[in-house]
Amino acid sequence: MPLGFPPGGFESGLRYQPRSGDVFVCTYPKCGTTWMQYIVYLLTHGATPLAQTETLEPAFPHLEEVGGEIVAALPAPRLIKTHLPRAMTPFSAAARYIHVARNPFDCAASFYHHTRGFPQHYDFAGGTFADYFECFIRGEVDFGDYFEHLDSWYGLLGADNVLFLTYEEIRADTRGAIMAVAEFLGEPALATARHELKLENILAAVSFESMRKDQSRWSSERPADMPEFVRKGSVGDWQNLFAPSQVRRLLAAFESRTAGTPVARLWPDIMADARRRQ
């Protein structure tokens, strides 16, 4: 867990009892969490964007950081963020869960920049990617092992109250992803998405260009010499960090840890590229 998260919030979050109408955005860190949160927020708030001085956190808190009591006090429908694996996430058939997955290469690269950028939480401001990669591949980072987390949520593939999307498909077809989320949530989100002007407003608000502005909406302050919280929003940035030996090791881990599961087929193009670069 991040150093800044109070143990009481974590313990309280685990005890939270989901209610009808609750919407959870469930991700491993750096897999499109904030992006999906804002999509859900806009769909459930009539496409009205946050004001310049507003932050997303009060309306869409992080369960294991703030604790279950604060979440329970929210007005319905409660919007809840979590990075917990499935077994630790409060689960109910009456709630809805949106899981976003990202390929492990870009996830590791983004997580490295994230960790460097929060010196108040991590003693890693001067850390190298080589150091971080060793932690990542051993699962010794926030919220544990990437592959265990991914497998825990994909074990629910086909459940009526769970929607699975990948970061890459949201990036490739943001409009289609927004519609998929709206159909999953039902009314009034669906009516908002079917209103062409409101849908266009959502697309503009969740664009990378828009979200990288006023970054205090998404994150606590980061030092000026560190990467921004919303940094690139791209697919393939891992190629700027990974050495061939690191590509080989993470590719081998992906192939062995996902063999025989639907996860193995999620990113064929990226895995093919990784095989060429190892």
Protein backbone atom coordinates (compact mmCIF):
# COMPACT_ATOMS: atom_id res chain seq x y z
CA MET A 1 0.00 0.00 0.00
CA PRO A 2 1.21 3.57 -0.57
CA LEU A 3 2.90 5.05 2.47
CA GLY A 4 0.39 7.92 2.66
CA PHE A 5 -2.65 5.64 3.01
CA PRO A 6 -3.77 5.34 6.65
CA PRO A 7 -4.10 1.72 7.86
CA GLY A 8 -7.50 2.60 9.32
CA GLY A 9 -8.80 3.60 5.89
CA PHE A 10 -7.59 0.33 4.39
CA GLU A 11 -9.18 -1.79 7.12
CA SER A 12 -12.42 0.20 7.00
CA GLY A 13 -12.53 -0.03 3.20
CA LEU A 14 -12.38 -3.82 3.33
CA ARG A 15 -15.47 -3.83 5.58
CA TYR A 16 -17.57 -1.63 3.28
CA GLN A 17 -20.92 -3.19 2.35
CA PRO A 18 -21.80 -2.37 -1.28
CA ARG A 19 -25.31 -1.11 -1.95
CA SER A 20 -27.58 -1.18 -4.95
CA GLY A 21 -26.45 1.42 -7.49
CA ASP A 22 -22.81 1.50 -6.37
CA VAL A 23 -20.36 1.75 -9.27
CA PHE A 24 -16.79 0.61 -8.70
CA VAL A 25 -13.90 1.38 -11.03
CA CYS A 26 -11.47 -1.43 -10.30
CA THR A 27 -7.98 -1.31 -11.77
CA TYR A 28 -4.37 -2.10 -11.15
CA PRO A 29 -2.53 1.24 -10.81
CA LYS A 30 -1.67 3.13 -13.99
CA CYS A 31 -4.12 1.25 -16.17
CA GLY A 32 -6.50 4.10 -16.99
CA THR A 33 -8.11 4.53 -13.59
CA THR A 34 -8.61 8.28 -13.61
CA TRP A 35 -9.65 8.24 -17.25
CA MET A 36 -12.41 5.72 -16.56
CA GLN A 37 -13.43 7.51 -13.36
CA TYR A 38 -14.01 10.71 -15.27
CA ILE A 39 -15.98 8.93 -17.99
CA VAL A 40 -18.24 7.40 -15.34
CA TYR A 41 -18.51 10.70 -13.48
CA LEU A 42 -19.59 12.58 -16.61
CA LEU A 43 -22.09 9.90 -17.64
CA THR A 44 -23.70 10.02 -14.21
CA HIS A 45 -23.62 13.83 -13.95
CA GLY A 46 -25.30 14.76 -17.23
CA ALA A 47 -21.97 15.42 -19.00
CA THR A 48 -21.31 18.43 -16.74
CA PRO A 49 -17.53 18.66 -16.33
CA LEU A 50 -15.73 19.47 -13.10
CA ALA A 51 -15.28 23.16 -12.47
CA GLN A 52 -11.73 24.45 -12.60
CA THR A 53 -11.48 24.50 -8.81
CA GLU A 54 -13.13 21.09 -8.26
CA THR A 55 -11.37 17.78 -7.75
CA LEU A 56 -12.65 14.33 -8.60
CA GLU A 57 -11.82 12.78 -5.24
CA PRO A 58 -14.84 13.93 -3.14
CA ALA A 59 -17.34 12.56 -5.66
CA PHE A 60 -15.29 9.49 -6.54
CA PRO A 61 -13.14 8.53 -3.54
CA HIS A 62 -10.49 5.84 -3.29
CA LEU A 63 -12.03 3.21 -1.03
CA GLU A 64 -8.92 1.83 0.62
CA GLU A 65 -7.53 5.30 1.22
CA VAL A 66 -10.52 7.11 2.73
CA GLY A 67 -12.31 4.15 4.31
CA GLY A 68 -15.77 2.64 4.09
CA GLU A 69 -17.51 5.17 6.34
CA ILE A 70 -16.75 8.08 4.01
CA VAL A 71 -17.89 6.09 0.99
CA ALA A 72 -21.09 4.99 2.74
CA ALA A 73 -21.95 8.64 3.44
CA LEU A 74 -21.94 9.54 -0.28
CA PRO A 75 -25.28 10.17 -1.96
CA ALA A 76 -26.48 7.47 -4.35
CA PRO A 77 -25.32 6.45 -6.83
CA ARG A 78 -21.98 6.05 -5.04
CA LEU A 79 -18.93 6.15 -7.31
CA ILE A 80 -15.99 4.24 -5.88
CA LYS A 81 -12.39 3.77 -6.98
CA THR A 82 -10.31 0.78 -5.90
CA HIS A 83 -7.00 -0.83 -6.80
CA LEU A 84 -7.72 -3.91 -4.72
CA PRO A 85 -7.64 -7.38 -6.27
CA ARG A 86 -11.00 -9.10 -6.59
CA ALA A 87 -10.71 -11.17 -3.40
CA MET A 88 -10.24 -8.04 -1.27
CA THR A 89 -12.81 -5.84 -3.02
CA PRO A 90 -16.23 -5.59 -1.34
CA PHE A 91 -18.43 -7.41 -3.80
CA SER A 92 -22.18 -7.58 -4.28
CA ALA A 93 -24.48 -8.64 -7.10
CA ALA A 94 -26.36 -5.37 -6.50
CA ALA A 95 -23.33 -3.20 -7.40
CA ARG A 96 -21.56 -2.71 -10.73
CA TYR A 97 -17.84 -3.12 -11.36
CA ILE A 98 -15.80 -1.74 -14.27
CA HIS A 99 -12.35 -3.25 -14.69
CA VAL A 100 -9.80 -1.65 -17.00
CA ALA A 101 -6.65 -3.59 -17.92
CA ARG A 102 -3.50 -2.27 -19.58
CA ASN A 103 -0.68 -4.19 -21.19
CA PRO A 104 2.10 -4.91 -18.67
CA PHE A 105 4.80 -3.07 -20.61
CA ASP A 106 3.06 0.31 -20.65
CA CYS A 107 1.75 -0.29 -17.14
CA ALA A 108 5.28 -0.80 -15.79
CA ALA A 109 6.59 2.26 -17.62
CA SER A 110 3.77 4.50 -16.38
CA PHE A 111 4.01 3.10 -12.84
CA TYR A 112 7.72 3.95 -12.79
CA HIS A 113 7.07 7.60 -13.64
CA HIS A 114 4.19 7.67 -11.14
CA THR A 115 6.40 6.38 -8.34
CA ARG A 116 9.18 8.85 -9.06
CA GLY A 117 6.66 11.69 -9.13
CA PHE A 118 5.45 11.27 -5.55
CA PRO A 119 8.50 11.70 -3.30
CA GLN A 120 6.14 12.34 -0.39
CA HIS A 121 4.98 8.72 -0.70
CA TYR A 122 8.06 6.93 -2.03
CA ASP A 123 11.79 7.19 -1.48
CA PHE A 124 12.34 6.89 -5.21
CA ALA A 125 12.74 10.36 -6.69
CA GLY A 126 16.16 9.39 -8.06
CA GLY A 127 15.27 5.79 -8.83
CA THR A 128 16.13 4.22 -12.17
CA PHE A 129 13.85 2.17 -14.37
CA ALA A 130 16.21 -0.76 -13.93
CA ASP A 131 15.56 -0.62 -10.18
CA TYR A 132 11.82 -0.23 -10.66
CA PHE A 133 11.58 -3.05 -13.18
CA GLU A 134 12.99 -5.51 -10.66
CA CYS A 135 10.35 -4.47 -8.13
CA PHE A 136 7.56 -4.66 -10.71
CA ILE A 137 8.40 -8.09 -12.06
CA ARG A 138 8.61 -9.46 -8.50
CA GLY A 139 5.26 -7.91 -7.60
CA GLU A 140 6.87 -5.76 -4.91
CA VAL A 141 5.02 -2.55 -5.80
CA ASP A 142 1.77 -0.93 -4.69
CA PHE A 143 -1.14 -3.38 -4.73
CA GLY A 144 1.09 -6.35 -5.40
CA ASP A 145 1.62 -8.56 -8.40
CA TYR A 146 0.30 -7.27 -11.73
CA PHE A 147 -0.55 -10.73 -13.04
CA GLU A 148 -2.34 -11.90 -9.90
CA HIS A 149 -4.43 -8.73 -9.91
CA LEU A 150 -5.33 -9.07 -13.58
CA ASP A 151 -6.21 -12.75 -13.23
CA SER A 152 -8.38 -12.06 -10.19
CA TRP A 153 -10.69 -9.76 -12.14
CA TYR A 154 -10.70 -11.69 -15.41
CA GLY A 155 -11.89 -14.66 -13.43
CA LEU A 156 -15.27 -12.89 -13.46
CA LEU A 157 -15.45 -12.71 -17.24
CA GLY A 158 -19.10 -13.07 -18.22
CA ALA A 159 -20.57 -11.84 -14.94
CA ASP A 160 -23.62 -9.62 -15.49
CA ASN A 161 -22.41 -6.89 -13.13
CA VAL A 162 -18.79 -6.69 -14.34
CA LEU A 163 -17.60 -4.83 -17.45
CA PHE A 164 -14.12 -5.45 -18.83
CA LEU A 165 -12.30 -2.97 -21.03
CA THR A 166 -8.68 -2.46 -21.94
CA TYR A 167 -6.83 0.83 -21.92
CA GLU A 168 -5.85 0.21 -25.51
CA GLU A 169 -9.42 -0.24 -26.79
CA ILE A 170 -10.53 2.92 -24.96
CA ARG A 171 -7.66 4.76 -26.63
CA ALA A 172 -8.54 3.35 -30.07
CA ASP A 173 -12.28 4.02 -29.85
CA THR A 174 -13.13 6.35 -26.99
CA ARG A 175 -16.64 6.99 -28.28
CA GLY A 176 -17.36 3.26 -28.44
CA ALA A 177 -15.95 2.73 -24.95
CA ILE A 178 -18.12 5.52 -23.52
CA MET A 179 -21.20 3.95 -25.10
CA ALA A 180 -20.25 0.54 -23.71
CA VAL A 181 -19.94 2.01 -20.21
CA ALA A 182 -23.25 3.84 -20.59
CA GLU A 183 -25.06 0.69 -21.71
CA PHE A 184 -23.54 -1.18 -18.78
CA LEU A 185 -24.66 1.48 -16.28
CA GLY A 186 -28.12 1.95 -17.76
CA GLU A 187 -30.22 5.03 -17.15
CA PRO A 188 -29.62 7.93 -16.73
CA ALA A 189 -26.09 7.37 -18.06
CA LEU A 190 -27.46 5.83 -21.26
CA ALA A 191 -29.67 8.82 -21.99
CA THR A 192 -26.69 11.12 -21.51
CA ALA A 193 -24.56 9.11 -23.95
CA ARG A 194 -27.34 9.00 -26.54
CA HIS A 195 -27.60 12.80 -26.51
CA GLU A 196 -25.15 13.72 -29.25
CA LEU A 197 -24.13 17.10 -27.84
CA LYS A 198 -23.59 15.66 -24.37
CA LEU A 199 -21.58 12.79 -25.82
CA GLU A 200 -19.39 15.25 -27.70
CA ASN A 201 -18.90 17.21 -24.46
CA ILE A 202 -17.78 14.02 -22.70
CA LEU A 203 -15.37 13.17 -25.50
CA ALA A 204 -13.86 16.64 -25.28
CA ALA A 205 -13.61 16.52 -21.47
CA VAL A 206 -11.87 13.12 -21.36
CA SER A 207 -9.43 13.86 -24.17
CA PHE A 208 -5.75 13.81 -23.22
CA GLU A 209 -5.43 17.48 -24.12
CA SER A 210 -8.22 18.40 -21.70
CA MET A 211 -7.23 16.11 -18.85
CA ARG A 212 -3.62 17.21 -18.79
CA LYS A 213 -4.81 20.75 -17.99
CA ASP A 214 -5.51 21.67 -14.35
CA GLN A 215 -3.97 18.44 -13.09
CA SER A 216 -4.86 19.26 -9.50
CA ARG A 217 -8.30 17.87 -10.42
CA TRP A 218 -6.83 14.36 -10.41
CA SER A 219 -3.85 14.30 -8.09
CA SER A 220 -2.09 15.84 -5.12
CA GLU A 221 0.76 18.18 -5.97
CA ARG A 222 3.91 16.83 -7.58
CA PRO A 223 7.30 18.58 -7.74
CA ALA A 224 7.80 20.76 -10.80
CA ASP A 225 10.77 18.69 -11.96
CA MET A 226 8.79 15.43 -11.93
CA PRO A 227 6.55 13.90 -14.62
CA GLU A 228 2.95 15.11 -14.61
CA PHE A 229 0.24 12.82 -13.23
CA VAL A 230 -1.50 12.76 -16.64
CA ARG A 231 1.72 12.37 -18.58
CA LYS A 232 1.35 10.96 -22.13
CA GLY A 233 -1.78 8.83 -22.33
CA SER A 234 -0.21 6.79 -25.08
CA VAL A 235 0.28 3.17 -26.12
CA GLY A 236 3.84 2.02 -26.73
CA ASP A 237 5.77 4.44 -24.50
CA TRP A 238 7.42 1.42 -22.86
CA GLN A 239 9.74 1.20 -25.87
CA ASN A 240 11.55 4.31 -24.57
CA LEU A 241 12.53 2.58 -21.31
CA PHE A 242 12.86 -1.18 -21.76
CA ALA A 243 16.17 -2.86 -22.48
CA PRO A 244 15.97 -6.04 -24.61
CA SER A 245 16.65 -8.22 -21.57
CA GLN A 246 13.77 -6.58 -19.71
CA VAL A 247 11.45 -7.08 -22.68
CA ARG A 248 12.42 -10.74 -22.75
CA ARG A 249 11.80 -11.25 -19.04
CA LEU A 250 8.43 -9.49 -18.90
CA LEU A 251 7.26 -11.20 -22.09
CA ALA A 252 8.22 -14.59 -20.62
CA ALA A 253 6.34 -13.72 -17.43
CA PHE A 254 3.26 -12.70 -19.40
CA GLU A 255 3.28 -15.86 -21.50
CA SER A 256 3.76 -18.19 -18.55
CA ARG A 257 1.37 -16.43 -16.17
CA THR A 258 -1.49 -16.08 -18.67
CA ALA A 259 -1.16 -19.37 -20.58
CA GLY A 260 -4.54 -20.98 -21.21
CA THR A 261 -6.52 -17.91 -20.07
CA PRO A 262 -8.41 -15.20 -22.02
CA VAL A 263 -5.79 -12.69 -20.83
CA ALA A 264 -3.22 -14.30 -23.13
CA ARG A 265 -5.15 -12.98 -26.14
CA LEU A 266 -5.72 -9.41 -24.98
CA TRP A 267 -2.76 -7.66 -26.65
CA PRO A 268 -1.57 -9.68 -29.66
CA ASP A 269 0.00 -6.72 -31.47
CA ILE A 270 1.91 -5.51 -28.42
CA MET A 271 3.17 -8.99 -27.60
CA ALA A 272 4.24 -9.50 -31.21
CA ASP A 273 6.17 -6.22 -31.04
CA ALA A 274 7.77 -7.30 -27.77
CA ARG A 275 8.94 -10.57 -29.35
CA ARG A 276 10.67 -8.59 -32.10
CA ARG A 277 12.45 -6.40 -29.54
CA GLN A 278 13.69 -8.96 -27.03
